[in-house]
Amino acid sequence: MVDATMVGGAISSLKTLYEIANGMLTASKDAAVNANAIELLSTISEIQGRLLEAQQSMAQMQDELRKANEELSRRAQFDRYELMEPYKGTRLYRLKADAARPGEPAHFICPNCKDVLNKVSILQEDGSAAYCKNKDCGQVFDIAPQQRFERQYHNPYAV
């Protein structure tokens, strides 16, 4: 497999050949040597151009490979969760029981962050609600019935 150092070494070698051929061209008066030196310089220039294109193409492929690996990693992370409804009307992603890593507690992740922002954001729970702490989201989800408070009126004049 060709890597960047091999391409760089080839470019360096071609540069040296170019300098030698250029020296031959300026040092020699023989027409046949001059014609061969010009042909050699032309070929070297063409090879240098192709090597530079190969180097750029390889850098682009490495970038695409890095992005593909990141996407695979993100998908593998998302595959650890399943959609569920902890409370009527609230749908969250919960860590699958068989996907938990050693010591990792059961938890929910924010569906907005997962589906819209393409991120994993673990929700913080307080018993009745779950809060997304991601600064770009901040959603709050009901995970249990909310406690209702009845207003009580007190008449200080009543006997």
Protein backbone atom coordinates (compact mmCIF):
# COMPACT_ATOMS: atom_id res chain seq x y z
CA MET A 1 0.00 0.00 0.00
CA VAL A 2 1.29 3.44 -0.93
CA ASP A 3 1.46 5.94 1.90
CA ALA A 4 2.24 9.64 2.12
CA THR A 5 5.92 9.12 2.99
CA MET A 6 6.46 6.96 -0.09
CA VAL A 7 4.83 9.56 -2.33
CA GLY A 8 6.84 12.32 -0.65
CA GLY A 9 10.07 10.34 -1.16
CA ALA A 10 9.23 9.81 -4.82
CA ILE A 11 8.60 13.53 -5.28
CA SER A 12 11.94 14.32 -3.62
CA SER A 13 13.77 11.84 -5.89
CA LEU A 14 12.13 13.31 -8.96
CA LYS A 15 13.18 16.78 -7.85
CA THR A 16 16.81 15.58 -7.71
CA LEU A 17 16.51 14.00 -11.16
CA TYR A 18 15.06 17.25 -12.46
CA GLU A 19 18.02 19.21 -11.12
CA ILE A 20 20.48 16.73 -12.68
CA ALA A 21 18.73 16.87 -16.05
CA ASN A 22 18.58 20.64 -15.90
CA GLY A 23 22.32 20.69 -15.13
CA MET A 24 22.94 18.45 -18.14
CA LEU A 25 20.97 20.80 -20.33
CA THR A 26 22.94 23.87 -19.32
CA ALA A 27 26.35 22.15 -19.27
CA SER A 28 26.22 20.35 -22.60
CA LYS A 29 26.49 21.81 -26.07
CA ASP A 30 25.71 18.59 -27.89
CA ALA A 31 22.30 18.81 -29.60
CA ALA A 32 21.44 15.13 -29.02
CA VAL A 33 22.19 15.42 -25.30
CA ASN A 34 20.13 18.62 -25.16
CA ALA A 35 17.17 16.91 -26.84
CA ASN A 36 17.37 13.95 -24.46
CA ALA A 37 17.70 16.26 -21.44
CA ILE A 38 14.61 18.22 -22.55
CA GLU A 39 12.65 14.98 -22.98
CA LEU A 40 13.82 13.79 -19.56
CA LEU A 41 12.78 17.09 -17.95
CA SER A 42 9.37 16.87 -19.59
CA THR A 43 8.85 13.30 -18.36
CA ILE A 44 9.99 14.20 -14.86
CA SER A 45 7.57 17.15 -14.76
CA GLU A 46 4.72 14.93 -15.88
CA ILE A 47 5.53 12.31 -13.23
CA GLN A 48 5.76 14.99 -10.55
CA GLY A 49 2.30 16.24 -11.50
CA ARG A 50 0.87 12.72 -11.31
CA LEU A 51 2.52 12.10 -7.94
CA LEU A 52 1.09 15.33 -6.56
CA GLU A 53 -2.37 14.31 -7.79
CA ALA A 54 -1.91 10.89 -6.16
CA GLN A 55 -0.83 12.56 -2.91
CA GLN A 56 -3.92 14.82 -2.93
CA SER A 57 -6.17 11.88 -3.76
CA MET A 58 -4.66 9.83 -0.93
CA ALA A 59 -5.18 12.69 1.55
CA GLN A 60 -8.82 12.95 0.43
CA MET A 61 -9.32 9.18 0.82
CA GLN A 62 -7.77 9.28 4.30
CA ASP A 63 -10.19 12.06 5.27
CA GLU A 64 -13.15 10.08 3.89
CA LEU A 65 -11.97 6.99 5.79
CA ARG A 66 -11.71 8.99 9.02
CA LYS A 67 -15.26 10.32 8.53
CA ALA A 68 -16.60 6.85 7.74
CA ASN A 69 -14.96 5.44 10.88
CA GLU A 70 -16.48 8.24 12.97
CA GLU A 71 -19.92 7.51 11.50
CA LEU A 72 -19.57 3.78 12.18
CA SER A 73 -18.55 4.53 15.75
CA ARG A 74 -21.52 6.87 16.20
CA ARG A 75 -23.93 4.28 14.78
CA ALA A 76 -22.49 1.59 17.05
CA GLN A 77 -23.05 3.95 19.99
CA PHE A 78 -26.67 4.61 18.91
CA ASP A 79 -27.33 0.87 18.43
CA ARG A 80 -26.88 0.44 22.19
CA TYR A 81 -30.22 2.22 22.78
CA GLU A 82 -33.87 1.35 22.19
CA LEU A 83 -36.89 3.63 21.94
CA MET A 84 -39.36 3.26 24.81
CA GLU A 85 -42.14 5.16 26.54
CA PRO A 86 -41.43 5.62 30.29
CA TYR A 87 -44.56 7.75 30.70
CA LYS A 88 -47.56 8.22 28.42
CA GLY A 89 -46.60 10.57 25.61
CA THR A 90 -42.88 10.65 26.46
CA ARG A 91 -40.58 8.66 24.21
CA LEU A 92 -36.94 8.34 25.17
CA TYR A 93 -34.03 6.14 24.20
CA ARG A 94 -33.01 3.75 26.97
CA LEU A 95 -29.76 1.80 27.20
CA LYS A 96 -30.43 -1.83 26.27
CA ALA A 97 -29.78 -4.17 29.20
CA ASP A 98 -27.44 -6.35 27.15
CA ALA A 99 -25.51 -3.32 25.82
CA ALA A 100 -24.42 -1.91 29.18
CA ARG A 101 -20.68 -1.81 29.78
CA PRO A 102 -19.32 -3.02 33.14
CA GLY A 103 -20.32 -0.53 35.83
CA GLU A 104 -22.50 1.54 33.48
CA PRO A 105 -25.87 2.35 35.07
CA ALA A 106 -29.17 2.19 33.20
CA HIS A 107 -30.03 5.58 31.72
CA PHE A 108 -31.96 7.46 29.06
CA ILE A 109 -30.55 9.62 26.27
CA CYS A 110 -32.22 12.65 24.75
CA PRO A 111 -34.21 11.79 21.59
CA ASN A 112 -33.78 15.34 20.26
CA CYS A 113 -30.00 15.21 20.58
CA LYS A 114 -29.86 11.74 19.00
CA ASP A 115 -32.25 12.32 16.11
CA VAL A 116 -31.62 15.99 15.33
CA LEU A 117 -28.14 16.84 16.62
CA ASN A 118 -26.68 13.35 16.04
CA LYS A 119 -25.20 13.28 19.57
CA VAL A 120 -25.55 11.15 22.68
CA SER A 121 -26.68 13.24 25.65
CA ILE A 122 -27.44 11.35 28.87
CA LEU A 123 -30.54 12.70 30.60
CA GLN A 124 -30.43 13.71 34.27
CA GLU A 125 -33.45 12.45 36.22
CA ASP A 126 -35.15 13.73 39.38
CA GLY A 127 -37.89 11.09 39.72
CA SER A 128 -40.64 12.81 37.74
CA ALA A 129 -38.70 14.46 34.90
CA ALA A 130 -35.55 13.95 32.85
CA TYR A 131 -33.44 16.92 31.78
CA CYS A 132 -31.10 17.25 28.84
CA LYS A 133 -27.96 19.12 29.91
CA ASN A 134 -26.75 19.70 26.34
CA LYS A 135 -26.46 23.48 25.89
CA ASP A 136 -27.82 23.19 22.32
CA CYS A 137 -30.97 21.35 23.48
CA GLY A 138 -32.16 21.70 27.09
CA GLN A 139 -35.34 19.62 26.63
CA VAL A 140 -37.31 18.43 29.68
CA PHE A 141 -39.23 15.13 29.57
CA ASP A 142 -41.92 13.80 31.94
CA ILE A 143 -41.02 10.30 33.13
CA ALA A 144 -43.66 9.97 35.89
CA PRO A 145 -46.94 11.66 36.79
CA GLN A 146 -46.43 15.21 37.94
CA GLN A 147 -47.50 16.05 41.48
CA ARG A 148 -50.50 18.35 41.46
CA PHE A 149 -50.80 21.11 43.98
CA GLU A 150 -54.24 22.28 45.07
CA ARG A 151 -54.61 25.88 45.99
CA GLN A 152 -55.86 26.34 49.46
CA TYR A 153 -57.49 29.54 50.49
CA HIS A 154 -57.46 30.67 54.07
CA ASN A 155 -59.89 33.24 55.31
CA PRO A 156 -58.45 34.82 58.43
CA TYR A 157 -61.86 36.28 59.34
CA ALA A 158 -63.71 32.99 59.30
CA VAL A 159 -64.62 31.61 62.69
